[in-house]
Amino acid sequence: MSVETEIAQLRSLDLRNLRHRWQGCFRKLPPEHLPRHLLVAMIAYRIQAGRLGDLDRETRQLLDAIGITEDGSSVIARLKAFDQRQIGLTLGTVLVREWDGASQHVMVTAEGFAWNGRTYDSLSQIAFAITGTKWNGPRFFGLRDRKPPDQRSRMRLHDEPDTR
């Protein structure tokens, strides 16, 4: 079953069944005070994180460090700088991702990320625009699980003969 279908089914569950589903996901009873919409949101996040991967340690640290008192523009600037630093992209880099039979091309610019004639602050926004679902943008474009350059240079290509 797809993540989207599973989350859509959550919305049809009554409160008793949502609490039961919570126990299956979190291995404990849900807090009594949580309203239905928060139960759905938290279970949906757990489903997505289980299938697509959770936030990495650095991202969690950044989110913890962002103060509630910060205004939206400073948070956006901070997240944009973090996103570009994390993925180590230089201006002019073009990312290509095949999705639903079509190639998607994104260029790194000084203002953010350009896709389909529009500039976005993050790769996650573009991934959402492409798929209609929330994604970790760098992961969607295959940038999160890359090996560091020193390890990549030691990797053999599949068509190289093994001389060991």
N, C-alpha and C. Protein backbone atom coordinates (compact mmCIF):
# COMPACT_ATOMS: atom_id res chain seq x y z
N MET A 1 0.85 -1.18 0.00
CA MET A 1 0.00 0.00 0.00
C MET A 1 0.90 1.24 0.00
N SER A 2 0.53 2.24 -0.77
CA SER A 2 1.35 3.46 -0.86
C SER A 2 1.20 4.29 0.42
N VAL A 3 2.17 5.15 0.65
CA VAL A 3 2.14 6.06 1.80
C VAL A 3 0.89 6.93 1.72
N GLU A 4 0.60 7.44 0.53
CA GLU A 4 -0.56 8.31 0.36
C GLU A 4 -1.86 7.61 0.72
N THR A 5 -2.00 6.36 0.27
CA THR A 5 -3.20 5.58 0.55
C THR A 5 -3.33 5.31 2.04
N GLU A 6 -2.22 4.94 2.65
CA GLU A 6 -2.24 4.65 4.08
C GLU A 6 -2.63 5.88 4.90
N ILE A 7 -2.11 7.04 4.52
CA ILE A 7 -2.46 8.28 5.24
C ILE A 7 -3.91 8.65 4.99
N ALA A 8 -4.39 8.46 3.77
CA ALA A 8 -5.79 8.75 3.46
C ALA A 8 -6.71 7.87 4.31
N GLN A 9 -6.31 6.62 4.54
CA GLN A 9 -7.12 5.73 5.37
C GLN A 9 -7.15 6.18 6.82
N LEU A 10 -6.06 6.81 7.28
CA LEU A 10 -6.05 7.32 8.65
C LEU A 10 -7.18 8.30 8.89
N ARG A 11 -7.43 9.14 7.89
CA ARG A 11 -8.45 10.18 8.03
C ARG A 11 -9.85 9.61 8.20
N SER A 12 -10.03 8.37 7.77
CA SER A 12 -11.36 7.77 7.88
C SER A 12 -11.57 7.02 9.20
N LEU A 13 -10.50 6.89 10.00
CA LEU A 13 -10.61 6.15 11.25
C LEU A 13 -11.28 6.99 12.34
N ASP A 14 -12.07 6.32 13.18
CA ASP A 14 -12.63 7.04 14.33
C ASP A 14 -11.56 7.15 15.41
N LEU A 15 -11.86 7.89 16.46
CA LEU A 15 -10.87 8.17 17.51
C LEU A 15 -10.35 6.89 18.17
N ARG A 16 -11.23 5.93 18.42
CA ARG A 16 -10.80 4.67 19.06
C ARG A 16 -9.80 3.93 18.18
N ASN A 17 -10.07 3.84 16.89
CA ASN A 17 -9.16 3.15 15.97
C ASN A 17 -7.86 3.93 15.74
N LEU A 18 -7.95 5.27 15.78
CA LEU A 18 -6.72 6.07 15.69
C LEU A 18 -5.82 5.81 16.88
N ARG A 19 -6.41 5.73 18.06
CA ARG A 19 -5.61 5.45 19.26
C ARG A 19 -4.98 4.06 19.18
N HIS A 20 -5.72 3.12 18.63
CA HIS A 20 -5.18 1.77 18.45
C HIS A 20 -4.02 1.80 17.45
N ARG A 21 -4.18 2.54 16.37
CA ARG A 21 -3.12 2.67 15.37
C ARG A 21 -1.88 3.33 15.96
N TRP A 22 -2.11 4.34 16.83
CA TRP A 22 -1.00 5.02 17.53
C TRP A 22 -0.17 3.99 18.30
N GLN A 23 -0.86 3.13 19.03
CA GLN A 23 -0.16 2.11 19.82
C GLN A 23 0.70 1.22 18.93
N GLY A 24 0.20 0.89 17.74
CA GLY A 24 0.98 0.09 16.81
C GLY A 24 2.21 0.82 16.30
N CYS A 25 2.10 2.11 16.10
CA CYS A 25 3.23 2.90 15.58
C CYS A 25 4.24 3.26 16.65
N PHE A 26 3.77 3.69 17.81
CA PHE A 26 4.66 4.25 18.83
C PHE A 26 4.92 3.30 20.00
N ARG A 27 4.25 2.15 20.01
CA ARG A 27 4.44 1.13 21.06
C ARG A 27 4.12 1.64 22.47
N LYS A 28 3.18 2.59 22.54
CA LYS A 28 2.70 3.08 23.83
C LYS A 28 1.33 3.73 23.62
N LEU A 29 0.64 3.97 24.72
CA LEU A 29 -0.66 4.61 24.63
C LEU A 29 -0.52 6.06 24.19
N PRO A 30 -1.46 6.55 23.41
CA PRO A 30 -1.39 7.96 23.00
C PRO A 30 -1.77 8.86 24.18
N PRO A 31 -1.22 10.07 24.22
CA PRO A 31 -1.63 11.01 25.26
C PRO A 31 -3.13 11.28 25.15
N GLU A 32 -3.81 11.29 26.27
CA GLU A 32 -5.27 11.48 26.28
C GLU A 32 -5.70 12.83 25.74
N HIS A 33 -4.87 13.85 25.92
CA HIS A 33 -5.26 15.21 25.55
C HIS A 33 -5.13 15.51 24.05
N LEU A 34 -4.49 14.63 23.28
CA LEU A 34 -4.27 14.92 21.86
C LEU A 34 -5.58 14.84 21.08
N PRO A 35 -5.91 15.91 20.35
CA PRO A 35 -7.11 15.85 19.52
C PRO A 35 -6.88 14.98 18.29
N ARG A 36 -7.96 14.63 17.65
CA ARG A 36 -7.95 13.72 16.51
C ARG A 36 -6.99 14.19 15.42
N HIS A 37 -7.02 15.48 15.06
CA HIS A 37 -6.20 15.95 13.94
C HIS A 37 -4.70 15.81 14.25
N LEU A 38 -4.30 15.95 15.52
CA LEU A 38 -2.89 15.77 15.86
C LEU A 38 -2.51 14.29 15.86
N LEU A 39 -3.43 13.43 16.28
CA LEU A 39 -3.15 11.99 16.19
C LEU A 39 -2.90 11.60 14.73
N VAL A 40 -3.77 12.08 13.84
CA VAL A 40 -3.61 11.76 12.42
C VAL A 40 -2.27 12.29 11.90
N ALA A 41 -1.94 13.55 12.23
CA ALA A 41 -0.70 14.16 11.73
C ALA A 41 0.53 13.42 12.25
N MET A 42 0.53 13.06 13.51
CA MET A 42 1.72 12.40 14.08
C MET A 42 1.88 10.97 13.57
N ILE A 43 0.78 10.27 13.40
CA ILE A 43 0.85 8.91 12.84
C ILE A 43 1.29 8.99 11.38
N ALA A 44 0.76 9.96 10.64
CA ALA A 44 1.13 10.13 9.23
C ALA A 44 2.63 10.42 9.11
N TYR A 45 3.15 11.27 10.00
CA TYR A 45 4.58 11.55 9.97
C TYR A 45 5.38 10.27 10.21
N ARG A 46 4.96 9.49 11.18
CA ARG A 46 5.67 8.25 11.49
C ARG A 46 5.64 7.29 10.31
N ILE A 47 4.52 7.21 9.62
CA ILE A 47 4.42 6.35 8.43
C ILE A 47 5.40 6.84 7.36
N GLN A 48 5.40 8.15 7.09
CA GLN A 48 6.30 8.70 6.08
C GLN A 48 7.76 8.50 6.47
N ALA A 49 8.09 8.77 7.71
CA ALA A 49 9.48 8.63 8.16
C ALA A 49 9.92 7.17 8.06
N GLY A 50 9.02 6.25 8.36
CA GLY A 50 9.35 4.84 8.28
C GLY A 50 9.62 4.38 6.86
N ARG A 51 8.89 4.92 5.91
CA ARG A 51 9.04 4.50 4.52
C ARG A 51 10.07 5.32 3.75
N LEU A 52 10.12 6.63 4.00
CA LEU A 52 10.95 7.52 3.20
C LEU A 52 12.21 7.99 3.93
N GLY A 53 12.29 7.71 5.22
CA GLY A 53 13.44 8.16 6.00
C GLY A 53 13.09 9.37 6.84
N ASP A 54 13.64 9.40 8.04
CA ASP A 54 13.37 10.49 8.98
C ASP A 54 14.40 11.60 8.78
N LEU A 55 14.25 12.66 9.52
CA LEU A 55 15.21 13.75 9.48
C LEU A 55 16.55 13.28 10.02
N ASP A 56 17.63 13.79 9.43
CA ASP A 56 18.95 13.44 9.93
C ASP A 56 19.28 14.28 11.17
N ARG A 57 20.35 13.92 11.85
CA ARG A 57 20.72 14.57 13.12
C ARG A 57 20.94 16.06 12.95
N GLU A 58 21.64 16.46 11.87
CA GLU A 58 21.93 17.89 11.66
C GLU A 58 20.66 18.70 11.45
N THR A 59 19.70 18.14 10.73
CA THR A 59 18.45 18.85 10.50
C THR A 59 17.66 18.98 11.80
N ARG A 60 17.63 17.93 12.60
CA ARG A 60 16.93 18.01 13.89
C ARG A 60 17.58 19.05 14.79
N GLN A 61 18.92 19.11 14.79
CA GLN A 61 19.62 20.11 15.59
C GLN A 61 19.28 21.52 15.13
N LEU A 62 19.23 21.73 13.82
CA LEU A 62 18.89 23.05 13.30
C LEU A 62 17.48 23.44 13.73
N LEU A 63 16.55 22.53 13.58
CA LEU A 63 15.17 22.84 13.95
C LEU A 63 15.05 23.11 15.44
N ASP A 64 15.80 22.39 16.26
CA ASP A 64 15.79 22.65 17.70
C ASP A 64 16.37 24.02 18.01
N ALA A 65 17.34 24.46 17.21
CA ALA A 65 18.01 25.74 17.47
C ALA A 65 17.19 26.94 17.03
N ILE A 66 16.26 26.73 16.10
CA ILE A 66 15.46 27.86 15.62
C ILE A 66 14.50 28.26 16.73
N GLY A 67 14.58 29.50 17.11
CA GLY A 67 13.74 29.99 18.20
C GLY A 67 12.34 30.31 17.74
N ILE A 68 11.40 30.18 18.63
CA ILE A 68 10.01 30.49 18.35
C ILE A 68 9.86 31.98 18.02
N THR A 69 10.74 32.80 18.56
CA THR A 69 10.63 34.25 18.37
C THR A 69 11.19 34.73 17.04
N GLU A 70 11.89 33.86 16.30
CA GLU A 70 12.45 34.28 15.01
C GLU A 70 11.32 34.54 14.02
N ASP A 71 11.51 35.58 13.19
CA ASP A 71 10.49 35.86 12.18
C ASP A 71 10.69 34.93 10.98
N GLY A 72 9.67 34.86 10.14
CA GLY A 72 9.67 33.92 9.02
C GLY A 72 10.82 34.10 8.07
N SER A 73 11.19 35.35 7.76
CA SER A 73 12.25 35.57 6.78
C SER A 73 13.60 35.11 7.30
N SER A 74 13.87 35.28 8.59
CA SER A 74 15.15 34.82 9.13
C SER A 74 15.20 33.30 9.18
N VAL A 75 14.07 32.67 9.46
CA VAL A 75 14.02 31.21 9.46
C VAL A 75 14.25 30.68 8.05
N ILE A 76 13.62 31.30 7.05
CA ILE A 76 13.79 30.87 5.66
C ILE A 76 15.25 31.01 5.24
N ALA A 77 15.86 32.15 5.57
CA ALA A 77 17.27 32.37 5.20
C ALA A 77 18.16 31.33 5.86
N ARG A 78 17.88 31.03 7.12
CA ARG A 78 18.68 30.06 7.87
C ARG A 78 18.54 28.66 7.25
N LEU A 79 17.31 28.28 6.92
CA LEU A 79 17.06 26.97 6.33
C LEU A 79 17.66 26.86 4.93
N LYS A 80 17.58 27.93 4.15
CA LYS A 80 18.15 27.93 2.81
C LYS A 80 19.66 27.74 2.86
N ALA A 81 20.32 28.49 3.74
CA ALA A 81 21.78 28.37 3.88
C ALA A 81 22.14 26.97 4.35
N PHE A 82 21.38 26.43 5.28
CA PHE A 82 21.62 25.08 5.80
C PHE A 82 21.45 24.05 4.69
N ASP A 83 20.39 24.19 3.92
CA ASP A 83 20.10 23.23 2.84
C ASP A 83 21.23 23.22 1.83
N GLN A 84 21.69 24.38 1.41
CA GLN A 84 22.76 24.43 0.42
C GLN A 84 24.08 23.94 1.01
N ARG A 85 24.33 24.25 2.28
CA ARG A 85 25.56 23.79 2.93
C ARG A 85 25.54 22.27 3.07
N GLN A 86 24.40 21.71 3.42
CA GLN A 86 24.28 20.27 3.61
C GLN A 86 24.56 19.49 2.32
N ILE A 87 24.08 20.01 1.22
CA ILE A 87 24.22 19.26 -0.01
C ILE A 87 25.43 19.68 -0.81
N GLY A 88 26.09 20.76 -0.41
CA GLY A 88 27.34 21.18 -1.01
C GLY A 88 27.25 21.48 -2.49
N LEU A 89 26.19 22.14 -2.91
CA LEU A 89 26.04 22.45 -4.32
C LEU A 89 26.59 23.83 -4.64
N THR A 90 27.20 23.96 -5.79
CA THR A 90 27.70 25.26 -6.22
C THR A 90 26.72 25.86 -7.23
N LEU A 91 26.80 27.16 -7.39
CA LEU A 91 25.93 27.86 -8.33
C LEU A 91 26.09 27.26 -9.72
N GLY A 92 24.98 27.10 -10.41
CA GLY A 92 25.00 26.55 -11.76
C GLY A 92 24.83 25.05 -11.84
N THR A 93 24.91 24.35 -10.69
CA THR A 93 24.72 22.91 -10.69
C THR A 93 23.29 22.59 -11.14
N VAL A 94 23.15 21.61 -12.00
CA VAL A 94 21.83 21.18 -12.46
C VAL A 94 21.56 19.79 -11.91
N LEU A 95 20.47 19.65 -11.21
CA LEU A 95 20.03 18.36 -10.68
C LEU A 95 18.96 17.80 -11.60
N VAL A 96 19.02 16.51 -11.85
CA VAL A 96 18.03 15.87 -12.71
C VAL A 96 17.42 14.71 -11.96
N ARG A 97 16.10 14.66 -11.97
CA ARG A 97 15.37 13.57 -11.32
C ARG A 97 14.26 13.11 -12.26
N GLU A 98 14.19 11.83 -12.47
CA GLU A 98 13.11 11.25 -13.26
C GLU A 98 11.92 11.03 -12.32
N TRP A 99 10.75 11.54 -12.70
CA TRP A 99 9.55 11.35 -11.88
C TRP A 99 8.35 11.17 -12.79
N ASP A 100 7.66 10.09 -12.60
CA ASP A 100 6.43 9.81 -13.34
C ASP A 100 6.66 9.90 -14.85
N GLY A 101 7.81 9.38 -15.29
CA GLY A 101 8.12 9.33 -16.71
C GLY A 101 8.66 10.61 -17.32
N ALA A 102 8.89 11.63 -16.50
CA ALA A 102 9.41 12.90 -17.04
C ALA A 102 10.66 13.31 -16.27
N SER A 103 11.64 13.86 -17.00
CA SER A 103 12.86 14.37 -16.36
C SER A 103 12.59 15.75 -15.78
N GLN A 104 12.97 15.93 -14.54
CA GLN A 104 12.83 17.21 -13.86
C GLN A 104 14.22 17.81 -13.69
N HIS A 105 14.43 19.03 -14.15
CA HIS A 105 15.74 19.69 -14.09
C HIS A 105 15.65 20.88 -13.15
N VAL A 106 16.56 20.95 -12.17
CA VAL A 106 16.61 22.03 -11.20
C VAL A 106 18.01 22.62 -11.23
N MET A 107 18.10 23.95 -11.28
CA MET A 107 19.41 24.61 -11.28
C MET A 107 19.59 25.38 -9.98
N VAL A 108 20.80 25.26 -9.41
CA VAL A 108 21.16 26.01 -8.20
C VAL A 108 21.52 27.42 -8.64
N THR A 109 20.84 28.42 -8.06
CA THR A 109 21.10 29.82 -8.38
C THR A 109 21.44 30.57 -7.09
N ALA A 110 21.85 31.81 -7.22
CA ALA A 110 22.16 32.64 -6.05
C ALA A 110 20.90 32.90 -5.23
N GLU A 111 19.74 32.87 -5.87
CA GLU A 111 18.48 33.14 -5.18
C GLU A 111 17.84 31.89 -4.59
N GLY A 112 18.32 30.71 -4.95
CA GLY A 112 17.73 29.46 -4.47
C GLY A 112 17.85 28.38 -5.51
N PHE A 113 16.71 27.79 -5.89
CA PHE A 113 16.68 26.68 -6.84
C PHE A 113 15.65 26.99 -7.91
N ALA A 114 16.06 26.96 -9.17
CA ALA A 114 15.16 27.28 -10.29
C ALA A 114 14.62 26.00 -10.90
N TRP A 115 13.31 25.97 -11.07
CA TRP A 115 12.62 24.84 -11.69
C TRP A 115 11.39 25.36 -12.43
N ASN A 116 11.23 24.96 -13.65
CA ASN A 116 10.06 25.34 -14.46
C ASN A 116 9.81 26.84 -14.49
N GLY A 117 10.87 27.64 -14.61
CA GLY A 117 10.72 29.08 -14.74
C GLY A 117 10.44 29.82 -13.45
N ARG A 118 10.55 29.14 -12.33
CA ARG A 118 10.27 29.77 -11.03
C ARG A 118 11.40 29.45 -10.07
N THR A 119 11.68 30.35 -9.12
CA THR A 119 12.74 30.13 -8.13
C THR A 119 12.11 29.75 -6.80
N TYR A 120 12.65 28.72 -6.18
CA TYR A 120 12.16 28.22 -4.90
C TYR A 120 13.25 28.37 -3.85
N ASP A 121 12.85 28.48 -2.59
CA ASP A 121 13.81 28.60 -1.50
C ASP A 121 14.47 27.27 -1.15
N SER A 122 13.80 26.16 -1.45
CA SER A 122 14.35 24.87 -1.04
C SER A 122 14.03 23.78 -2.06
N LEU A 123 14.83 22.74 -2.03
CA LEU A 123 14.57 21.58 -2.87
C LEU A 123 13.31 20.85 -2.43
N SER A 124 12.99 20.94 -1.15
CA SER A 124 11.78 20.30 -0.64
C SER A 124 10.53 20.91 -1.25
N GLN A 125 10.54 22.22 -1.45
CA GLN A 125 9.40 22.88 -2.10
C GLN A 125 9.24 22.38 -3.53
N ILE A 126 10.33 22.20 -4.23
CA ILE A 126 10.27 21.71 -5.60
C ILE A 126 9.80 20.25 -5.62
N ALA A 127 10.33 19.45 -4.71
CA ALA A 127 9.89 18.04 -4.64
C ALA A 127 8.39 17.96 -4.40
N PHE A 128 7.87 18.85 -3.55
CA PHE A 128 6.43 18.88 -3.29
C PHE A 128 5.67 19.30 -4.55
N ALA A 129 6.19 20.32 -5.25
CA ALA A 129 5.54 20.77 -6.49
C ALA A 129 5.51 19.66 -7.54
N ILE A 130 6.54 18.86 -7.59
CA ILE A 130 6.62 17.77 -8.57
C ILE A 130 5.70 16.62 -8.20
N THR A 131 5.70 16.23 -6.92
CA THR A 131 5.02 15.00 -6.52
C THR A 131 3.66 15.22 -5.88
N GLY A 132 3.46 16.41 -5.30
CA GLY A 132 2.21 16.65 -4.56
C GLY A 132 2.24 16.10 -3.15
N THR A 133 3.39 15.58 -2.72
CA THR A 133 3.53 15.08 -1.34
C THR A 133 4.80 15.66 -0.73
N LYS A 134 4.85 15.66 0.59
CA LYS A 134 6.01 16.20 1.30
C LYS A 134 7.19 15.26 1.16
N TRP A 135 8.33 15.82 0.80
CA TRP A 135 9.57 15.07 0.65
C TRP A 135 10.70 15.86 1.28
N ASN A 136 11.74 15.17 1.70
CA ASN A 136 13.00 15.82 2.01
C ASN A 136 13.63 16.08 0.65
N GLY A 137 13.77 17.35 0.28
CA GLY A 137 14.24 17.71 -1.05
C GLY A 137 15.58 17.12 -1.44
N PRO A 138 16.62 17.29 -0.60
CA PRO A 138 17.91 16.68 -0.95
C PRO A 138 17.81 15.16 -1.12
N ARG A 139 17.00 14.52 -0.31
CA ARG A 139 16.84 13.06 -0.46
C ARG A 139 16.11 12.74 -1.76
N PHE A 140 15.07 13.52 -2.09
CA PHE A 140 14.32 13.30 -3.33
C PHE A 140 15.24 13.39 -4.55
N PHE A 141 16.19 14.32 -4.52
CA PHE A 141 17.11 14.49 -5.63
C PHE A 141 18.37 13.64 -5.50
N GLY A 142 18.38 12.72 -4.53
CA GLY A 142 19.48 11.76 -4.40
C GLY A 142 20.75 12.33 -3.82
N LEU A 143 20.64 13.38 -3.02
CA LEU A 143 21.84 14.05 -2.50
C LEU A 143 22.17 13.67 -1.06
N ARG A 144 21.26 13.12 -0.32
CA ARG A 144 21.48 12.88 1.11
C ARG A 144 22.35 11.68 1.40
N ASP A 145 22.23 10.65 0.62
CA ASP A 145 22.92 9.41 0.96
C ASP A 145 24.17 9.19 0.12
N ARG A 146 24.72 10.30 -0.42
CA ARG A 146 25.95 10.18 -1.21
C ARG A 146 27.13 9.93 -0.29
N LYS A 147 28.12 9.24 -0.82
CA LYS A 147 29.34 9.01 -0.06
C LYS A 147 30.24 10.23 -0.20
N PRO A 148 31.06 10.53 0.82
CA PRO A 148 32.00 11.64 0.70
C PRO A 148 32.94 11.42 -0.48
N PRO A 149 33.54 12.51 -1.04
CA PRO A 149 34.38 12.39 -2.24
C PRO A 149 35.51 11.37 -2.10
N ASP A 150 36.15 11.28 -0.92
CA ASP A 150 37.26 10.33 -0.78
C ASP A 150 36.79 8.88 -0.88
N GLN A 151 35.56 8.60 -0.46
CA GLN A 151 35.03 7.25 -0.57
C GLN A 151 34.57 6.97 -1.99
N ARG A 152 34.00 7.98 -2.67
CA ARG A 152 33.54 7.78 -4.04
C ARG A 152 34.70 7.43 -4.96
N SER A 153 35.86 8.04 -4.73
CA SER A 153 36.99 7.78 -5.62
C SER A 153 37.51 6.36 -5.47
N ARG A 154 37.23 5.73 -4.33
CA ARG A 154 37.67 4.35 -4.11
C ARG A 154 36.66 3.33 -4.63
N MET A 155 35.45 3.78 -4.97
CA MET A 155 34.43 2.86 -5.44
C MET A 155 34.73 2.43 -6.87
N ARG A 156 34.50 1.16 -7.17
CA ARG A 156 34.67 0.68 -8.53
C ARG A 156 33.40 0.94 -9.32
N LEU A 157 33.56 1.26 -10.59
CA LEU A 157 32.41 1.31 -11.47
C LEU A 157 32.01 -0.12 -11.79
N HIS A 158 30.73 -0.34 -12.08
CA HIS A 158 30.26 -1.70 -12.33
C HIS A 158 30.93 -2.35 -13.53
N ASP A 159 31.35 -1.54 -14.53
CA ASP A 159 31.94 -2.14 -15.71
C ASP A 159 33.46 -2.24 -15.62
N GLU A 160 34.07 -1.82 -14.51
CA GLU A 160 35.51 -1.96 -14.36
C GLU A 160 35.86 -3.39 -13.99
N PRO A 161 36.90 -3.94 -14.56
CA PRO A 161 37.30 -5.31 -14.16
C PRO A 161 37.88 -5.29 -12.75
N ASP A 162 37.61 -6.34 -12.03
CA ASP A 162 38.17 -6.48 -10.68
C ASP A 162 39.57 -7.05 -10.81
N THR A 163 40.58 -6.25 -10.43
CA THR A 163 41.98 -6.69 -10.59
C THR A 163 42.56 -7.19 -9.29
N ARG A 164 41.72 -7.41 -8.30
CA ARG A 164 42.25 -7.89 -7.02
C ARG A 164 42.58 -9.34 -7.07
